[in-house]
Amino acid sequence: MNDNMNIQAEKLKIMKMILETDNPKILESITLLFKKEPAIDFWDTLQQDQKDDIMEGINEIENGDTMKYEEFMKKHRP
């Protein structure tokens, strides 16, 4: 079973527990957990040079400046 399947199963178990509880303190605690957890975009966690490299790669792809994987690996393998 892969990690994604485990995560989905865990989510279902948690949802079931939430749906079955009538304890307002538990529900409030869960709500606070999500409010404390800021939604972080991975892009904002990257350093500027990493962002620049990614944007350069995107521009190269858009301009058709690409090569086959095998060709790339031959060029960069020791």
PDB file of N, CA and C in Angstrom:
ATOM      1  N   MET A   1       0.863  -1.185   0.000  1.00  0.00           N
ATOM      2  CA  MET A   1       0.000   0.000   0.000  1.00  0.00           C
ATOM      3  C   MET A   1       0.904   1.241   0.000  1.00  0.00           C
ATOM      4  N   ASN A   2       0.625   2.184  -0.875  1.00  0.00           N
ATOM      5  CA  ASN A   2       1.478   3.370  -0.948  1.00  0.00           C
ATOM      6  C   ASN A   2       1.064   4.416   0.081  1.00  0.00           C
ATOM      7  N   ASP A   3       1.918   5.425   0.230  1.00  0.00           N
ATOM      8  CA  ASP A   3       1.667   6.470   1.228  1.00  0.00           C
ATOM      9  C   ASP A   3       0.359   7.201   0.997  1.00  0.00           C
ATOM     10  N   ASN A   4       0.017   7.445  -0.276  1.00  0.00           N
ATOM     11  CA  ASN A   4      -1.214   8.164  -0.581  1.00  0.00           C
ATOM     12  C   ASN A   4      -2.429   7.383  -0.099  1.00  0.00           C
ATOM     13  N   MET A   5      -2.392   6.064  -0.262  1.00  0.00           N
ATOM     14  CA  MET A   5      -3.502   5.227   0.205  1.00  0.00           C
ATOM     15  C   MET A   5      -3.589   5.281   1.725  1.00  0.00           C
ATOM     16  N   ASN A   6      -2.442   5.250   2.404  1.00  0.00           N
ATOM     17  CA  ASN A   6      -2.428   5.326   3.863  1.00  0.00           C
ATOM     18  C   ASN A   6      -2.994   6.657   4.338  1.00  0.00           C
ATOM     19  N   ILE A   7      -2.634   7.724   3.666  1.00  0.00           N
ATOM     20  CA  ILE A   7      -3.126   9.050   4.031  1.00  0.00           C
ATOM     21  C   ILE A   7      -4.635   9.106   3.847  1.00  0.00           C
ATOM     22  N   GLN A   8      -5.122   8.571   2.729  1.00  0.00           N
ATOM     23  CA  GLN A   8      -6.563   8.587   2.474  1.00  0.00           C
ATOM     24  C   GLN A   8      -7.308   7.766   3.520  1.00  0.00           C
ATOM     25  N   ALA A   9      -6.778   6.616   3.891  1.00  0.00           N
ATOM     26  CA  ALA A   9      -7.417   5.778   4.910  1.00  0.00           C
ATOM     27  C   ALA A   9      -7.430   6.497   6.251  1.00  0.00           C
ATOM     28  N   GLU A  10      -6.328   7.163   6.579  1.00  0.00           N
ATOM     29  CA  GLU A  10      -6.255   7.907   7.846  1.00  0.00           C
ATOM     30  C   GLU A  10      -7.264   9.048   7.863  1.00  0.00           C
ATOM     31  N   LYS A  11      -7.397   9.743   6.751  1.00  0.00           N
ATOM     32  CA  LYS A  11      -8.379  10.829   6.657  1.00  0.00           C
ATOM     33  C   LYS A  11      -9.792  10.306   6.895  1.00  0.00           C
ATOM     34  N   LEU A  12     -10.092   9.157   6.302  1.00  0.00           N
ATOM     35  CA  LEU A  12     -11.422   8.581   6.483  1.00  0.00           C
ATOM     36  C   LEU A  12     -11.683   8.211   7.939  1.00  0.00           C
ATOM     37  N   LYS A  13     -10.663   7.653   8.609  1.00  0.00           N
ATOM     38  CA  LYS A  13     -10.830   7.309  10.028  1.00  0.00           C
ATOM     39  C   LYS A  13     -11.081   8.562  10.858  1.00  0.00           C
ATOM     40  N   ILE A  14     -10.334   9.615  10.576  1.00  0.00           N
ATOM     41  CA  ILE A  14     -10.494  10.870  11.322  1.00  0.00           C
ATOM     42  C   ILE A  14     -11.864  11.476  11.062  1.00  0.00           C
ATOM     43  N   MET A  15     -12.289  11.466   9.797  1.00  0.00           N
ATOM     44  CA  MET A  15     -13.610  12.005   9.467  1.00  0.00           C
ATOM     45  C   MET A  15     -14.705  11.244  10.206  1.00  0.00           C
ATOM     46  N   LYS A  16     -14.561   9.928  10.277  1.00  0.00           N
ATOM     47  CA  LYS A  16     -15.549   9.103  10.967  1.00  0.00           C
ATOM     48  C   LYS A  16     -15.602   9.493  12.449  1.00  0.00           C
ATOM     49  N   MET A  17     -14.428   9.665  13.067  1.00  0.00           N
ATOM     50  CA  MET A  17     -14.392  10.052  14.483  1.00  0.00           C
ATOM     51  C   MET A  17     -15.037  11.422  14.691  1.00  0.00           C
ATOM     52  N   ILE A  18     -14.770  12.357  13.782  1.00  0.00           N
ATOM     53  CA  ILE A  18     -15.355  13.696  13.899  1.00  0.00           C
ATOM     54  C   ILE A  18     -16.873  13.620  13.783  1.00  0.00           C
ATOM     55  N   LEU A  19     -17.344  12.851  12.812  1.00  0.00           N
ATOM     56  CA  LEU A  19     -18.788  12.739  12.609  1.00  0.00           C
ATOM     57  C   LEU A  19     -19.493  12.063  13.788  1.00  0.00           C
ATOM     58  N   GLU A  20     -18.797  11.180  14.469  1.00  0.00           N
ATOM     59  CA  GLU A  20     -19.416  10.440  15.569  1.00  0.00           C
ATOM     60  C   GLU A  20     -19.347  11.160  16.915  1.00  0.00           C
ATOM     61  N   THR A  21     -18.554  12.227  17.009  1.00  0.00           N
ATOM     62  CA  THR A  21     -18.437  12.903  18.300  1.00  0.00           C
ATOM     63  C   THR A  21     -19.470  14.005  18.447  1.00  0.00           C
ATOM     64  N   ASP A  22     -19.926  14.166  19.686  1.00  0.00           N
ATOM     65  CA  ASP A  22     -20.801  15.286  20.032  1.00  0.00           C
ATOM     66  C   ASP A  22     -20.103  16.193  21.043  1.00  0.00           C
ATOM     67  N   ASN A  23     -18.809  15.978  21.207  1.00  0.00           N
ATOM     68  CA  ASN A  23     -18.041  16.738  22.186  1.00  0.00           C
ATOM     69  C   ASN A  23     -17.565  18.045  21.546  1.00  0.00           C
ATOM     70  N   PRO A  24     -18.149  19.171  21.988  1.00  0.00           N
ATOM     71  CA  PRO A  24     -17.775  20.455  21.381  1.00  0.00           C
ATOM     72  C   PRO A  24     -16.313  20.829  21.612  1.00  0.00           C
ATOM     73  N   LYS A  25     -15.711  20.369  22.710  1.00  0.00           N
ATOM     74  CA  LYS A  25     -14.303  20.694  22.977  1.00  0.00           C
ATOM     75  C   LYS A  25     -13.385  20.017  21.950  1.00  0.00           C
ATOM     76  N   ILE A  26     -13.719  18.805  21.582  1.00  0.00           N
ATOM     77  CA  ILE A  26     -12.926  18.109  20.568  1.00  0.00           C
ATOM     78  C   ILE A  26     -13.052  18.826  19.233  1.00  0.00           C
ATOM     79  N   LEU A  27     -14.277  19.182  18.880  1.00  0.00           N
ATOM     80  CA  LEU A  27     -14.492  19.878  17.605  1.00  0.00           C
ATOM     81  C   LEU A  27     -13.795  21.237  17.595  1.00  0.00           C
ATOM     82  N   GLU A  28     -13.834  21.927  18.713  1.00  0.00           N
ATOM     83  CA  GLU A  28     -13.152  23.217  18.819  1.00  0.00           C
ATOM     84  C   GLU A  28     -11.642  23.041  18.684  1.00  0.00           C
ATOM     85  N   SER A  29     -11.110  21.997  19.307  1.00  0.00           N
ATOM     86  CA  SER A  29      -9.671  21.734  19.220  1.00  0.00           C
ATOM     87  C   SER A  29      -9.243  21.445  17.782  1.00  0.00           C
ATOM     88  N   ILE A  30     -10.053  20.669  17.088  1.00  0.00           N
ATOM     89  CA  ILE A  30      -9.743  20.354  15.693  1.00  0.00           C
ATOM     90  C   ILE A  30      -9.781  21.620  14.851  1.00  0.00           C
ATOM     91  N   THR A  31     -10.791  22.444  15.091  1.00  0.00           N
ATOM     92  CA  THR A  31     -10.911  23.702  14.348  1.00  0.00           C
ATOM     93  C   THR A  31      -9.696  24.583  14.600  1.00  0.00           C
ATOM     94  N   LEU A  32      -9.256  24.651  15.851  1.00  0.00           N
ATOM     95  CA  LEU A  32      -8.080  25.463  16.177  1.00  0.00           C
ATOM     96  C   LEU A  32      -6.820  24.935  15.504  1.00  0.00           C
ATOM     97  N   LEU A  33      -6.697  23.631  15.405  1.00  0.00           N
ATOM     98  CA  LEU A  33      -5.538  23.051  14.719  1.00  0.00           C
ATOM     99  C   LEU A  33      -5.456  23.538  13.278  1.00  0.00           C
ATOM    100  N   PHE A  34      -6.590  23.537  12.603  1.00  0.00           N
ATOM    101  CA  PHE A  34      -6.593  23.977  11.206  1.00  0.00           C
ATOM    102  C   PHE A  34      -6.387  25.485  11.091  1.00  0.00           C
ATOM    103  N   LYS A  35      -6.873  26.236  12.036  1.00  0.00           N
ATOM    104  CA  LYS A  35      -6.671  27.687  11.989  1.00  0.00           C
ATOM    105  C   LYS A  35      -5.213  28.048  12.251  1.00  0.00           C
ATOM    106  N   LYS A  36      -4.544  27.262  13.095  1.00  0.00           N
ATOM    107  CA  LYS A  36      -3.138  27.524  13.406  1.00  0.00           C
ATOM    108  C   LYS A  36      -2.233  27.125  12.250  1.00  0.00           C
ATOM    109  N   GLU A  37      -2.672  26.177  11.469  1.00  0.00           N
ATOM    110  CA  GLU A  37      -1.880  25.669  10.355  1.00  0.00           C
ATOM    111  C   GLU A  37      -2.062  26.574   9.148  1.00  0.00           C
ATOM    112  N   PRO A  38      -1.091  27.440   8.890  1.00  0.00           N
ATOM    113  CA  PRO A  38      -1.242  28.334   7.739  1.00  0.00           C
ATOM    114  C   PRO A  38      -1.108  27.557   6.430  1.00  0.00           C
ATOM    115  N   ALA A  39      -1.871  27.983   5.479  1.00  0.00           N
ATOM    116  CA  ALA A  39      -1.761  27.389   4.148  1.00  0.00           C
ATOM    117  C   ALA A  39      -0.521  27.974   3.488  1.00  0.00           C
ATOM    118  N   ILE A  40       0.504  27.152   3.368  1.00  0.00           N
ATOM    119  CA  ILE A  40       1.779  27.615   2.827  1.00  0.00           C
ATOM    120  C   ILE A  40       1.931  27.098   1.408  1.00  0.00           C
ATOM    121  N   ASP A  41       2.137  28.018   0.499  1.00  0.00           N
ATOM    122  CA  ASP A  41       2.420  27.656  -0.879  1.00  0.00           C
ATOM    123  C   ASP A  41       3.909  27.309  -0.960  1.00  0.00           C
ATOM    124  N   PHE A  42       4.217  26.133  -1.513  1.00  0.00           N
ATOM    125  CA  PHE A  42       5.619  25.717  -1.562  1.00  0.00           C
ATOM    126  C   PHE A  42       6.487  26.747  -2.266  1.00  0.00           C
ATOM    127  N   TRP A  43       5.920  27.470  -3.224  1.00  0.00           N
ATOM    128  CA  TRP A  43       6.674  28.478  -3.972  1.00  0.00           C
ATOM    129  C   TRP A  43       7.252  29.523  -3.017  1.00  0.00           C
ATOM    130  N   ASP A  44       6.490  29.866  -2.004  1.00  0.00           N
ATOM    131  CA  ASP A  44       6.934  30.875  -1.046  1.00  0.00           C
ATOM    132  C   ASP A  44       8.062  30.371  -0.152  1.00  0.00           C
ATOM    133  N   THR A  45       8.285  29.065  -0.114  1.00  0.00           N
ATOM    134  CA  THR A  45       9.352  28.509   0.721  1.00  0.00           C
ATOM    135  C   THR A  45      10.679  28.412  -0.033  1.00  0.00           C
ATOM    136  N   LEU A  46      10.640  28.636  -1.352  1.00  0.00           N
ATOM    137  CA  LEU A  46      11.851  28.525  -2.159  1.00  0.00           C
ATOM    138  C   LEU A  46      12.686  29.800  -2.085  1.00  0.00           C
ATOM    139  N   GLN A  47      14.002  29.614  -2.234  1.00  0.00           N
ATOM    140  CA  GLN A  47      14.888  30.766  -2.308  1.00  0.00           C
ATOM    141  C   GLN A  47      14.780  31.362  -3.709  1.00  0.00           C
ATOM    142  N   GLN A  48      15.164  32.605  -3.838  1.00  0.00           N
ATOM    143  CA  GLN A  48      15.017  33.308  -5.120  1.00  0.00           C
ATOM    144  C   GLN A  48      15.771  32.614  -6.245  1.00  0.00           C
ATOM    145  N   ASP A  49      16.986  32.105  -5.967  1.00  0.00           N
ATOM    146  CA  ASP A  49      17.740  31.436  -7.025  1.00  0.00           C
ATOM    147  C   ASP A  49      17.043  30.155  -7.480  1.00  0.00           C
ATOM    148  N   GLN A  50      16.340  29.479  -6.572  1.00  0.00           N
ATOM    149  CA  GLN A  50      15.572  28.299  -6.953  1.00  0.00           C
ATOM    150  C   GLN A  50      14.389  28.686  -7.841  1.00  0.00           C
ATOM    151  N   LYS A  51      13.717  29.763  -7.472  1.00  0.00           N
ATOM    152  CA  LYS A  51      12.604  30.250  -8.294  1.00  0.00           C
ATOM    153  C   LYS A  51      13.094  30.644  -9.683  1.00  0.00           C
ATOM    154  N   ASP A  52      14.241  31.317  -9.729  1.00  0.00           N
ATOM    155  CA  ASP A  52      14.808  31.742 -11.012  1.00  0.00           C
ATOM    156  C   ASP A  52      15.131  30.530 -11.896  1.00  0.00           C
ATOM    157  N   ASP A  53      15.721  29.477 -11.287  1.00  0.00           N
ATOM    158  CA  ASP A  53      16.050  28.267 -12.043  1.00  0.00           C
ATOM    159  C   ASP A  53      14.790  27.605 -12.596  1.00  0.00           C
ATOM    160  N   ILE A  54      13.754  27.537 -11.795  1.00  0.00           N
ATOM    161  CA  ILE A  54      12.492  26.931 -12.244  1.00  0.00           C
ATOM    162  C   ILE A  54      11.897  27.734 -13.388  1.00  0.00           C
ATOM    163  N   MET A  55      11.872  29.041 -13.238  1.00  0.00           N
ATOM    164  CA  MET A  55      11.308  29.892 -14.290  1.00  0.00           C
ATOM    165  C   MET A  55      12.129  29.784 -15.576  1.00  0.00           C
ATOM    166  N   GLU A  56      13.441  29.678 -15.437  1.00  0.00           N
ATOM    167  CA  GLU A  56      14.302  29.507 -16.610  1.00  0.00           C
ATOM    168  C   GLU A  56      13.962  28.192 -17.313  1.00  0.00           C
ATOM    169  N   GLY A  57      13.761  27.133 -16.540  1.00  0.00           N
ATOM    170  CA  GLY A  57      13.389  25.837 -17.114  1.00  0.00           C
ATOM    171  C   GLY A  57      12.048  25.904 -17.827  1.00  0.00           C
ATOM    172  N   ILE A  58      11.082  26.567 -17.236  1.00  0.00           N
ATOM    173  CA  ILE A  58       9.770  26.719 -17.863  1.00  0.00           C
ATOM    174  C   ILE A  58       9.896  27.481 -19.179  1.00  0.00           C
ATOM    175  N   ASN A  59      10.678  28.545 -19.178  1.00  0.00           N
ATOM    176  CA  ASN A  59      10.884  29.325 -20.407  1.00  0.00           C
ATOM    177  C   ASN A  59      11.555  28.490 -21.490  1.00  0.00           C
ATOM    178  N   GLU A  60      12.537  27.662 -21.101  1.00  0.00           N
ATOM    179  CA  GLU A  60      13.203  26.797 -22.073  1.00  0.00           C
ATOM    180  C   GLU A  60      12.210  25.817 -22.692  1.00  0.00           C
ATOM    181  N   ILE A  61      11.350  25.233 -21.867  1.00  0.00           N
ATOM    182  CA  ILE A  61      10.345  24.295 -22.379  1.00  0.00           C
ATOM    183  C   ILE A  61       9.389  25.003 -23.327  1.00  0.00           C
ATOM    184  N   GLU A  62       8.927  26.177 -22.933  1.00  0.00           N
ATOM    185  CA  GLU A  62       7.995  26.936 -23.775  1.00  0.00           C
ATOM    186  C   GLU A  62       8.621  27.324 -25.102  1.00  0.00           C
ATOM    187  N   ASN A  63       9.945  27.527 -25.112  1.00  0.00           N
ATOM    188  CA  ASN A  63      10.644  27.904 -26.344  1.00  0.00           C
ATOM    189  C   ASN A  63      11.133  26.691 -27.128  1.00  0.00           C
ATOM    190  N   GLY A  64      10.790  25.487 -26.655  1.00  0.00           N
ATOM    191  CA  GLY A  64      11.188  24.275 -27.368  1.00  0.00           C
ATOM    192  C   GLY A  64      12.634  23.886 -27.168  1.00  0.00           C
ATOM    193  N   ASP A  65      13.304  24.481 -26.214  1.00  0.00           N
ATOM    194  CA  ASP A  65      14.712  24.191 -25.944  1.00  0.00           C
ATOM    195  C   ASP A  65      14.790  23.016 -24.967  1.00  0.00           C
ATOM    196  N   THR A  66      14.519  21.813 -25.479  1.00  0.00           N
ATOM    197  CA  THR A  66      14.519  20.613 -24.644  1.00  0.00           C
ATOM    198  C   THR A  66      15.364  19.540 -25.295  1.00  0.00           C
ATOM    199  N   MET A  67      15.632  18.460 -24.558  1.00  0.00           N
ATOM    200  CA  MET A  67      16.331  17.305 -25.102  1.00  0.00           C
ATOM    201  C   MET A  67      15.733  16.054 -24.488  1.00  0.00           C
ATOM    202  N   LYS A  68      15.931  14.927 -25.145  1.00  0.00           N
ATOM    203  CA  LYS A  68      15.431  13.658 -24.638  1.00  0.00           C
ATOM    204  C   LYS A  68      16.175  13.293 -23.352  1.00  0.00           C
ATOM    205  N   TYR A  69      15.484  12.577 -22.476  1.00  0.00           N
ATOM    206  CA  TYR A  69      16.051  12.168 -21.189  1.00  0.00           C
ATOM    207  C   TYR A  69      17.359  11.401 -21.377  1.00  0.00           C
ATOM    208  N   GLU A  70      17.357  10.439 -22.301  1.00  0.00           N
ATOM    209  CA  GLU A  70      18.547   9.623 -22.527  1.00  0.00           C
ATOM    210  C   GLU A  70      19.732  10.491 -22.952  1.00  0.00           C
ATOM    211  N   GLU A  71      19.472  11.456 -23.808  1.00  0.00           N
ATOM    212  CA  GLU A  71      20.508  12.369 -24.280  1.00  0.00           C
ATOM    213  C   GLU A  71      21.072  13.190 -23.113  1.00  0.00           C
ATOM    214  N   PHE A  72      20.172  13.663 -22.264  1.00  0.00           N
ATOM    215  CA  PHE A  72      20.584  14.428 -21.088  1.00  0.00           C
ATOM    216  C   PHE A  72      21.470  13.588 -20.174  1.00  0.00           C
ATOM    217  N   MET A  73      21.040  12.345 -19.916  1.00  0.00           N
ATOM    218  CA  MET A  73      21.768  11.476 -19.006  1.00  0.00           C
ATOM    219  C   MET A  73      23.141  11.121 -19.558  1.00  0.00           C
ATOM    220  N   LYS A  74      23.250  10.878 -20.873  1.00  0.00           N
ATOM    221  CA  LYS A  74      24.564  10.599 -21.466  1.00  0.00           C
ATOM    222  C   LYS A  74      25.508  11.771 -21.236  1.00  0.00           C
ATOM    223  N   LYS A  75      24.977  12.950 -21.329  1.00  0.00           N
ATOM    224  CA  LYS A  75      25.785  14.163 -21.190  1.00  0.00           C
ATOM    225  C   LYS A  75      26.230  14.399 -19.745  1.00  0.00           C
ATOM    226  N   HIS A  76      25.423  13.974 -18.772  1.00  0.00           N
ATOM    227  CA  HIS A  76      25.691  14.308 -17.376  1.00  0.00           C
ATOM    228  C   HIS A  76      26.088  13.139 -16.486  1.00  0.00           C
ATOM    229  N   ARG A  77      26.124  11.939 -17.003  1.00  0.00           N
ATOM    230  CA  ARG A  77      26.566  10.783 -16.212  1.00  0.00           C
ATOM    231  C   ARG A  77      28.095  10.794 -16.136  1.00  0.00           C
ATOM    232  N   PRO A  78      28.612  10.315 -15.007  1.00  0.00           N
ATOM    233  CA  PRO A  78      30.093  10.233 -14.897  1.00  0.00           C
ATOM    234  C   PRO A  78      30.671   9.137 -15.750  1.00  0.00           C
TER     235      PRO A  78
END
